[in-house]
Amino acid sequence: MSVGIAEKQIRVIHPGCDEPIKIENNFQLQAENIYKDSFPKILTVARLDRRKNHQNILMCIRNLKEKFPKIKYVSIGDGEEKKRLQILTKELKVENEVTILDKTDQKLKAALIKNSNLFLMPSIKFKKSVEGFGISYVEAASYGVGSIGG
């Protein structure tokens, strides 16, 4: 290699996360109460900023609501876009389908991930800000939940 390190001494370390935690019954019940009898159950865990593309997720939920009348989208995160997203949720008339949680207990977050059908985080380039690899995808996978990202 050009920096003087032998190739056989180089190891790729893939991003990881903690092992899934056991979901306590009270957190399982909280997650079930949030999701109720919805399908599909879609989740995002991310800071609420423009590059995370939450606004397009809300538009998708509005469109999917016709085909999936019991759809539920839960977003866990806080940030400068929160107020704008709350307004957009009302404008799109998806208040019953969308729940935005500022911050949650790690155990509730785990229960929401485990009980979801899909983890969604389709980021976009905004100004000079781009999304790197989100560890949240790995965390969702550790609970057996598939992801769509951008």
Protein backbone atom coordinates (compact mmCIF):
# COMPACT_ATOMS: atom_id res chain seq x y z
CA MET A 1 0.00 0.00 0.00
CA SER A 2 1.15 3.53 -0.68
CA VAL A 3 1.35 4.48 3.01
CA GLY A 4 3.66 1.61 3.89
CA ILE A 5 1.20 -0.76 5.55
CA ALA A 6 1.08 -4.32 4.29
CA GLU A 7 -2.29 -5.22 2.83
CA LYS A 8 -2.54 -8.35 4.98
CA GLN A 9 -2.36 -6.15 8.10
CA ILE A 10 -5.44 -4.16 7.11
CA ARG A 11 -8.83 -5.28 8.43
CA VAL A 12 -12.24 -3.91 7.54
CA ILE A 13 -14.35 -3.29 10.62
CA HIS A 14 -18.01 -3.02 9.71
CA PRO A 15 -20.28 -0.71 11.72
CA GLY A 16 -22.09 -2.48 14.50
CA CYS A 17 -24.49 -1.88 17.33
CA ASP A 18 -25.33 -3.35 20.70
CA GLU A 19 -27.08 -6.68 20.77
CA PRO A 20 -30.87 -6.44 20.92
CA ILE A 21 -32.14 -5.94 24.43
CA LYS A 22 -34.90 -7.99 26.01
CA ILE A 23 -38.09 -5.96 25.76
CA GLU A 24 -39.74 -5.58 29.16
CA ASN A 25 -43.50 -6.09 29.20
CA ASN A 26 -44.37 -2.47 30.08
CA PHE A 27 -42.36 -1.15 27.10
CA GLN A 28 -43.89 -3.80 24.84
CA LEU A 29 -47.35 -2.62 25.95
CA GLN A 30 -46.41 1.03 25.31
CA ALA A 31 -45.26 0.16 21.79
CA GLU A 32 -48.44 -1.83 21.14
CA ASN A 33 -50.49 1.13 22.39
CA ILE A 34 -48.70 3.48 19.98
CA TYR A 35 -49.09 1.13 17.02
CA LYS A 36 -52.50 -0.25 18.04
CA ASP A 37 -53.92 -2.40 15.20
CA SER A 38 -52.05 -0.58 12.43
CA PHE A 39 -50.44 -2.05 9.33
CA PRO A 40 -47.90 -1.40 8.07
CA LYS A 41 -45.97 -0.03 11.03
CA ILE A 42 -43.20 2.24 9.74
CA LEU A 43 -40.50 3.76 11.94
CA THR A 44 -37.73 6.33 11.65
CA VAL A 45 -35.17 7.06 14.37
CA ALA A 46 -33.29 10.19 13.33
CA ARG A 47 -32.64 13.81 14.09
CA LEU A 48 -35.34 16.02 12.60
CA ASP A 49 -33.31 17.97 10.08
CA ARG A 50 -33.86 18.68 6.39
CA ARG A 51 -31.34 16.14 5.04
CA LYS A 52 -33.19 13.27 6.74
CA ASN A 53 -36.07 13.83 4.27
CA HIS A 54 -38.92 13.52 6.78
CA GLN A 55 -41.11 15.81 4.66
CA ASN A 56 -41.15 13.27 1.81
CA ILE A 57 -41.91 10.45 4.22
CA LEU A 58 -45.00 12.37 5.36
CA MET A 59 -46.10 12.84 1.75
CA CYS A 60 -45.64 9.11 1.14
CA ILE A 61 -47.74 8.31 4.20
CA ARG A 62 -50.52 10.51 2.83
CA ASN A 63 -50.38 8.65 -0.50
CA LEU A 64 -50.11 5.19 1.06
CA LYS A 65 -53.04 5.86 3.37
CA GLU A 66 -55.47 5.13 0.53
CA LYS A 67 -54.05 1.65 -0.04
CA PHE A 68 -53.23 1.01 3.63
CA PRO A 69 -55.96 2.70 5.72
CA LYS A 70 -54.39 1.38 8.95
CA ILE A 71 -50.87 2.65 8.19
CA LYS A 72 -48.87 4.06 11.11
CA TYR A 73 -45.67 6.07 10.91
CA VAL A 74 -43.66 6.78 14.06
CA SER A 75 -40.71 9.16 14.03
CA ILE A 76 -38.39 9.28 17.03
CA GLY A 77 -36.17 12.34 17.11
CA ASP A 78 -35.94 16.05 17.72
CA GLY A 79 -34.47 18.93 15.77
CA GLU A 80 -34.99 22.20 13.96
CA GLU A 81 -37.52 20.69 11.51
CA LYS A 82 -39.95 19.52 14.20
CA LYS A 83 -42.35 22.49 14.01
CA ARG A 84 -42.40 22.43 10.20
CA LEU A 85 -43.08 18.68 10.18
CA GLN A 86 -45.92 19.06 12.68
CA ILE A 87 -47.51 21.72 10.44
CA LEU A 88 -47.04 19.52 7.36
CA THR A 89 -48.64 16.58 9.19
CA LYS A 90 -51.77 18.69 9.73
CA GLU A 91 -51.76 20.09 6.18
CA LEU A 92 -51.57 16.57 4.75
CA LYS A 93 -54.30 15.38 7.14
CA VAL A 94 -52.21 12.49 8.48
CA GLU A 95 -52.38 13.38 12.19
CA ASN A 96 -53.93 9.98 13.01
CA GLU A 97 -51.33 8.08 10.99
CA VAL A 98 -48.23 9.96 12.20
CA THR A 99 -46.71 10.12 15.68
CA ILE A 100 -43.61 12.22 16.33
CA LEU A 101 -41.83 11.42 19.60
CA ASP A 102 -39.10 13.79 20.79
CA LYS A 103 -37.01 11.42 22.78
CA THR A 104 -37.87 8.07 24.22
CA ASP A 105 -36.44 5.67 26.70
CA GLN A 106 -33.99 3.31 24.97
CA LYS A 107 -36.20 0.39 25.95
CA LEU A 108 -39.28 1.97 24.37
CA LYS A 109 -37.26 2.75 21.26
CA ALA A 110 -36.21 -0.91 21.11
CA ALA A 111 -39.83 -2.04 21.52
CA LEU A 112 -40.97 0.29 18.74
CA ILE A 113 -38.23 -1.00 16.44
CA LYS A 114 -39.01 -4.63 17.22
CA ASN A 115 -42.74 -4.13 16.62
CA SER A 116 -42.35 -2.21 13.36
CA ASN A 117 -42.63 -3.71 9.88
CA LEU A 118 -40.20 -1.32 8.21
CA PHE A 119 -37.43 1.08 9.18
CA LEU A 120 -37.37 4.09 6.86
CA MET A 121 -34.72 6.81 6.51
CA PRO A 122 -34.40 8.12 2.93
CA SER A 123 -31.94 10.98 3.31
CA ILE A 124 -31.17 13.67 0.73
CA LYS A 125 -28.31 16.05 0.11
CA PHE A 126 -29.23 19.41 1.63
CA LYS A 127 -26.89 22.32 0.99
CA LYS A 128 -23.51 20.79 1.84
CA SER A 129 -24.93 18.34 4.35
CA VAL A 130 -25.08 14.67 3.37
CA GLU A 131 -25.98 11.59 5.36
CA GLY A 132 -23.24 9.16 6.23
CA PHE A 133 -23.92 5.56 7.13
CA GLY A 134 -26.70 5.49 9.70
CA ILE A 135 -26.12 3.01 12.50
CA SER A 136 -29.91 2.96 12.91
CA TYR A 137 -30.15 0.63 9.90
CA VAL A 138 -27.95 -1.91 11.68
CA GLU A 139 -29.95 -1.49 14.87
CA ALA A 140 -33.22 -2.16 13.01
CA ALA A 141 -31.67 -5.22 11.34
CA SER A 142 -30.63 -6.56 14.75
CA TYR A 143 -34.35 -6.81 15.57
CA GLY A 144 -35.14 -8.43 12.22
CA VAL A 145 -36.66 -5.29 10.69
CA GLY A 146 -35.89 -4.44 7.07
CA SER A 147 -34.85 -0.93 6.06
CA ILE A 148 -35.25 1.48 3.19
CA GLY A 149 -32.63 4.22 3.11
CA GLY A 150 -31.28 6.79 0.76
